[in-house]
């Protein structure tokens, strides 16, 4: 029976130095992983281990419990500076995010796992992101608003809703949602969209203002050429305008690497 078949039966697996990277680091990009570092001679480990397994079974695969015998697998334990066992480390998105040492009661373990797992608001935001990617903006907006009603501090929902509003032209609400989240990368892009849309009302009194107006109209190559040619006179303002344009276009747009190179050559 391979690893995937075992995990389908029970969300608990023994890990080793050899497969820790695959099972824990890579696996945590798909769902949270809780690593129980233990040893056969450790009395508190024998107390905590069954509690962790019970909680893992009750969560029905919401997270993976990975059990690591530190005596048999010292490399991982040393890498994480484990000096006392049991040590529990939680991983999400390839990174350790929380942990504790010692044998704690089931109530504490449940609270620890609750903090790790997605909330209802997280799930609503994730579904809304999928709807947005599929082009269902009305459904996505409703989903993001539902997530924020559940959790007004949900960052993904706030950025997602702000993004939709900014693209639609509801700039005040988009700014109110995104500004408190700076310097979050998604919020930075929303604020860039807001600024670019506001450029449509600029009076074309300078070369840079004309370039900004072109950007607001979506005439990106002309706009970037104009911003680039304004660098000598406008300096930081022209550079900042180009950075806003790059954020709005996104790294996948072929204009971005082209004009990043041109900007770097002009500046340095």
Protein backbone atom coordinates (compact mmCIF):
# COMPACT_ATOMS: atom_id res chain seq x y z
CA UNK A 1 0.00 0.00 0.00
CA UNK A 2 1.50 3.36 -1.04
CA UNK A 3 1.41 6.59 0.95
CA UNK A 4 -1.66 8.01 -0.78
CA UNK A 5 -3.67 4.85 -0.16
CA UNK A 6 -2.71 4.92 3.53
CA UNK A 7 -3.71 8.55 3.84
CA UNK A 8 -7.08 7.85 2.26
CA UNK A 9 -7.74 5.38 5.08
CA UNK A 10 -6.45 7.53 7.95
CA UNK A 11 -4.87 11.04 8.02
CA UNK A 12 -1.90 9.83 10.08
CA UNK A 13 1.49 8.80 8.73
CA UNK A 14 4.98 8.04 10.00
CA UNK A 15 7.63 10.26 8.42
CA UNK A 16 11.39 10.06 8.27
CA UNK A 17 14.37 12.21 7.40
CA UNK A 18 14.15 10.81 3.88
CA UNK A 19 10.54 11.75 3.10
CA UNK A 20 9.98 14.73 5.41
CA UNK A 21 10.37 17.23 2.57
CA UNK A 22 7.81 15.46 0.39
CA UNK A 23 5.24 14.57 3.03
CA UNK A 24 5.42 17.59 5.32
CA UNK A 25 6.81 20.57 3.41
CA UNK A 26 5.22 19.83 0.05
CA UNK A 27 2.17 18.22 1.63
CA UNK A 28 1.43 21.33 3.68
CA UNK A 29 0.88 23.25 0.46
CA UNK A 30 -2.23 21.11 -0.07
CA UNK A 31 -3.48 20.97 3.53
CA UNK A 32 -2.06 21.75 6.99
CA UNK A 33 0.37 19.21 8.46
CA UNK A 34 0.99 18.73 12.19
CA UNK A 35 4.29 17.02 13.02
CA UNK A 36 4.50 15.07 16.27
CA UNK A 37 8.16 14.65 17.23
CA UNK A 38 8.43 11.81 19.73
CA UNK A 39 10.50 8.85 20.95
CA UNK A 40 9.60 5.43 22.33
CA UNK A 41 11.20 6.11 25.74
CA UNK A 42 9.33 9.40 26.27
CA UNK A 43 6.44 9.12 28.75
CA UNK A 44 4.77 12.46 27.85
CA UNK A 45 4.95 11.43 24.19
CA UNK A 46 2.85 8.36 25.00
CA UNK A 47 0.29 10.67 26.60
CA UNK A 48 0.14 13.24 23.82
CA UNK A 49 0.37 10.87 20.83
CA UNK A 50 -3.07 9.26 21.23
CA UNK A 51 -4.67 12.67 21.77
CA UNK A 52 -3.18 13.97 18.52
CA UNK A 53 -4.31 10.85 16.68
CA UNK A 54 -7.86 11.15 18.07
CA UNK A 55 -8.08 14.79 17.01
CA UNK A 56 -6.72 13.93 13.55
CA UNK A 57 -9.30 11.17 13.11
CA UNK A 58 -12.12 13.45 14.26
CA UNK A 59 -11.16 16.16 11.77
CA UNK A 60 -11.63 13.70 8.90
CA UNK A 61 -8.55 14.63 6.91
CA UNK A 62 -8.73 18.35 7.55
CA UNK A 63 -5.07 18.09 8.45
CA UNK A 64 -2.37 15.45 8.23
CA UNK A 65 -0.70 14.18 11.39
CA UNK A 66 2.92 13.23 10.63
CA UNK A 67 4.73 11.30 13.38
CA UNK A 68 8.52 11.57 13.51
CA UNK A 69 10.64 9.35 15.79
CA UNK A 70 13.50 11.71 16.67
CA UNK A 71 15.85 8.87 17.65
CA UNK A 72 15.51 7.22 14.26
CA UNK A 73 15.42 10.52 12.36
CA UNK A 74 17.78 13.02 14.00
CA UNK A 75 18.35 15.21 10.94
CA UNK A 76 14.90 16.80 10.94
CA UNK A 77 14.87 17.19 14.71
CA UNK A 78 18.27 18.93 14.58
CA UNK A 79 17.19 21.14 11.70
CA UNK A 80 14.30 22.50 13.77
CA UNK A 81 16.35 22.79 16.96
CA UNK A 82 14.29 20.28 18.90
CA UNK A 83 15.70 19.98 22.40
CA UNK A 84 12.72 18.53 24.26
CA UNK A 85 9.98 16.09 23.32
CA UNK A 86 7.20 15.86 22.60
CA UNK A 87 7.52 18.79 20.25
CA UNK A 88 4.66 19.59 17.88
CA UNK A 89 5.14 21.84 14.85
CA UNK A 90 2.36 22.86 12.48
CA UNK A 91 3.08 23.55 8.80
CA UNK A 92 1.03 25.41 6.25
CA UNK A 93 1.97 26.48 2.72
CA UNK A 94 5.42 24.93 3.12
CA UNK A 95 6.31 26.86 6.28
CA UNK A 96 6.18 26.20 10.05
CA UNK A 97 3.45 28.44 11.49
CA UNK A 98 2.92 27.34 15.09
CA UNK A 99 3.97 24.77 17.64
CA UNK A 100 4.26 23.71 21.26
CA UNK A 101 6.34 21.49 23.53
CA UNK A 102 5.07 19.07 26.16
CA UNK A 103 1.97 16.96 26.70
CA UNK A 104 -1.18 19.07 26.71
CA UNK A 105 -4.81 17.95 27.22
CA UNK A 106 -7.23 17.32 24.39
CA UNK A 107 -8.94 20.70 24.84
CA UNK A 108 -5.65 22.51 24.16
CA UNK A 109 -4.85 20.31 21.14
CA UNK A 110 -8.28 20.99 19.65
CA UNK A 111 -7.78 24.75 20.06
CA UNK A 112 -4.32 24.46 18.48
CA UNK A 113 -5.79 22.66 15.46
CA UNK A 114 -8.72 25.11 15.21
CA UNK A 115 -6.24 27.95 14.80
CA UNK A 116 -4.52 26.03 12.03
CA UNK A 117 -7.50 24.94 9.94
CA UNK A 118 -9.44 27.16 7.55
CA UNK A 119 -12.45 28.93 9.07
CA UNK A 120 -15.86 29.24 7.43
CA UNK A 121 -14.76 32.70 6.29
CA UNK A 122 -11.56 31.26 4.80
CA UNK A 123 -13.56 28.68 2.86
CA UNK A 124 -16.03 31.30 1.63
CA UNK A 125 -13.15 33.50 0.46
CA UNK A 126 -11.49 30.57 -1.30
CA UNK A 127 -14.73 29.71 -3.13
CA UNK A 128 -15.15 33.36 -4.08
CA UNK A 129 -11.63 33.44 -5.52
CA UNK A 130 -12.50 30.43 -7.68
CA UNK A 131 -15.67 32.16 -8.89
CA UNK A 132 -13.70 35.30 -9.69
CA UNK A 133 -11.16 33.26 -11.67
CA UNK A 134 -14.04 31.65 -13.59
CA UNK A 135 -15.45 35.06 -14.48
CA UNK A 136 -18.45 35.01 -12.13
CA UNK A 137 -17.81 38.42 -10.58
CA UNK A 138 -21.29 38.75 -9.07
CA UNK A 139 -20.93 35.40 -7.32
CA UNK A 140 -17.41 36.26 -6.23
CA UNK A 141 -18.50 39.59 -4.76
CA UNK A 142 -21.28 37.89 -2.83
CA UNK A 143 -18.84 35.27 -1.56
CA UNK A 144 -16.27 37.83 -0.43
CA UNK A 145 -18.98 39.83 1.35
CA UNK A 146 -20.21 36.67 3.06
CA UNK A 147 -16.67 35.91 4.23
CA UNK A 148 -16.27 39.44 5.62
CA UNK A 149 -19.61 39.17 7.43
CA UNK A 150 -18.26 36.03 9.11
CA UNK A 151 -14.85 37.56 9.81
CA UNK A 152 -14.33 41.29 9.18
CA UNK A 153 -10.56 40.74 9.56
CA UNK A 154 -10.33 38.17 6.77
CA UNK A 155 -7.52 39.52 4.61
CA UNK A 156 -8.18 37.39 1.51
CA UNK A 157 -11.84 38.38 1.43
CA UNK A 158 -11.07 42.08 1.91
CA UNK A 159 -8.45 42.11 -0.85
CA UNK A 160 -10.66 40.07 -3.17
CA UNK A 161 -13.68 42.32 -2.72
CA UNK A 162 -11.51 45.44 -3.05
CA UNK A 163 -10.07 44.07 -6.29
CA UNK A 164 -13.51 43.55 -7.81
CA UNK A 165 -14.70 46.98 -6.69
CA UNK A 166 -11.60 48.73 -8.04
CA UNK A 167 -11.91 47.03 -11.43
CA UNK A 168 -15.58 48.05 -11.52
CA UNK A 169 -14.83 51.65 -10.62
CA UNK A 170 -16.16 51.72 -7.05
CA UNK A 171 -12.94 53.37 -5.96
CA UNK A 172 -13.84 54.77 -2.54
CA UNK A 173 -15.01 51.44 -1.13
CA UNK A 174 -12.07 49.64 -2.75
CA UNK A 175 -9.63 52.10 -1.17
CA UNK A 176 -11.29 51.79 2.25
CA UNK A 177 -10.90 48.01 2.14
CA UNK A 178 -7.36 47.86 0.77
CA UNK A 179 -5.56 50.74 2.48
CA UNK A 180 -5.56 49.22 6.01
CA UNK A 181 -3.99 46.03 4.62
CA UNK A 182 -0.87 47.65 3.15
CA UNK A 183 1.84 46.57 2.47
CA UNK A 184 0.05 43.33 1.53
CA UNK A 185 0.91 42.59 -2.11
CA UNK A 186 -2.72 42.15 -3.14
CA UNK A 187 -3.69 45.38 -1.42
CA UNK A 188 -0.81 47.17 -3.16
CA UNK A 189 -2.21 46.07 -6.52
CA UNK A 190 -5.72 47.25 -5.60
CA UNK A 191 -4.39 50.66 -4.61
CA UNK A 192 -2.50 50.81 -7.92
CA UNK A 193 -5.73 50.04 -9.81
CA UNK A 194 -7.47 52.82 -7.88
CA UNK A 195 -4.75 55.34 -8.71
CA UNK A 196 -4.67 54.38 -12.39
CA UNK A 197 -8.43 54.74 -12.69
CA UNK A 198 -8.24 58.15 -11.03
CA UNK A 199 -5.74 59.26 -13.69
CA UNK A 200 -8.64 59.43 -16.17
CA UNK A 201 -9.61 62.79 -14.67
CA UNK A 202 -6.15 64.37 -14.94
CA UNK A 203 -5.68 67.52 -16.98
CA UNK A 204 -3.05 66.83 -19.62
CA UNK A 205 -0.73 69.60 -18.50
CA UNK A 206 2.51 67.60 -18.65
CA UNK A 207 4.02 64.73 -20.57
CA UNK A 208 3.61 62.51 -17.49
CA UNK A 209 -0.05 63.44 -17.04
CA UNK A 210 -0.69 62.59 -20.69
CA UNK A 211 0.99 59.22 -20.12
CA UNK A 212 -1.13 58.60 -17.04
CA UNK A 213 -4.30 59.38 -19.00
CA UNK A 214 -3.23 56.87 -21.64
CA UNK A 215 -2.79 54.26 -18.90
CA UNK A 216 -6.27 54.98 -17.56
CA UNK A 217 -7.56 54.37 -21.10
CA UNK A 218 -5.72 51.05 -21.28
CA UNK A 219 -3.23 52.22 -23.91
CA UNK A 220 -0.39 50.68 -21.99
CA UNK A 221 2.53 50.71 -24.41
CA UNK A 222 1.99 54.37 -25.27
CA UNK A 223 1.56 55.13 -21.59
CA UNK A 224 4.75 53.37 -20.56
CA UNK A 225 6.72 55.03 -23.33
CA UNK A 226 5.45 58.40 -22.12
CA UNK A 227 6.32 57.64 -18.50
CA UNK A 228 9.76 56.47 -19.52
CA UNK A 229 10.41 59.64 -21.48
CA UNK A 230 9.26 61.69 -18.46
CA UNK A 231 11.88 60.27 -16.12
CA UNK A 232 14.42 63.02 -16.75
CA UNK A 233 11.94 65.76 -15.80
CA UNK A 234 9.60 64.02 -13.36
CA UNK A 235 11.97 61.60 -11.62
CA UNK A 236 10.27 59.69 -8.78
CA UNK A 237 6.78 60.57 -9.96
CA UNK A 238 7.40 58.97 -13.37
CA UNK A 239 9.04 55.94 -11.81
CA UNK A 240 6.14 55.50 -9.36
CA UNK A 241 3.66 55.75 -12.23
CA UNK A 242 5.48 52.95 -14.05
CA UNK A 243 5.48 50.81 -10.90
CA UNK A 244 1.72 51.31 -10.59
CA UNK A 245 1.32 50.29 -14.23
CA UNK A 246 3.39 47.16 -13.63
CA UNK A 247 1.21 46.22 -10.64
CA UNK A 248 -1.99 46.67 -12.60
CA UNK A 249 -0.76 44.72 -15.61
CA UNK A 250 0.73 41.89 -13.54
CA UNK A 251 3.89 39.87 -14.06
CA UNK A 252 2.31 37.71 -16.78
CA UNK A 253 1.88 40.64 -19.14
CA UNK A 254 4.82 40.72 -21.61
CA UNK A 255 5.00 44.52 -21.36
CA UNK A 256 6.06 44.29 -17.70
CA UNK A 257 9.47 42.58 -18.09
CA UNK A 258 10.16 44.63 -21.23
CA UNK A 259 9.58 47.97 -19.52
CA UNK A 260 11.15 46.92 -16.24
CA UNK A 261 14.37 46.42 -18.19
CA UNK A 262 13.97 49.81 -19.86
CA UNK A 263 13.27 51.47 -16.51
CA UNK A 264 16.30 49.87 -14.90
CA UNK A 265 18.50 50.93 -17.83
CA UNK A 266 17.24 54.50 -17.57
CA UNK A 267 17.78 54.68 -13.82
CA UNK A 268 21.10 52.87 -13.53
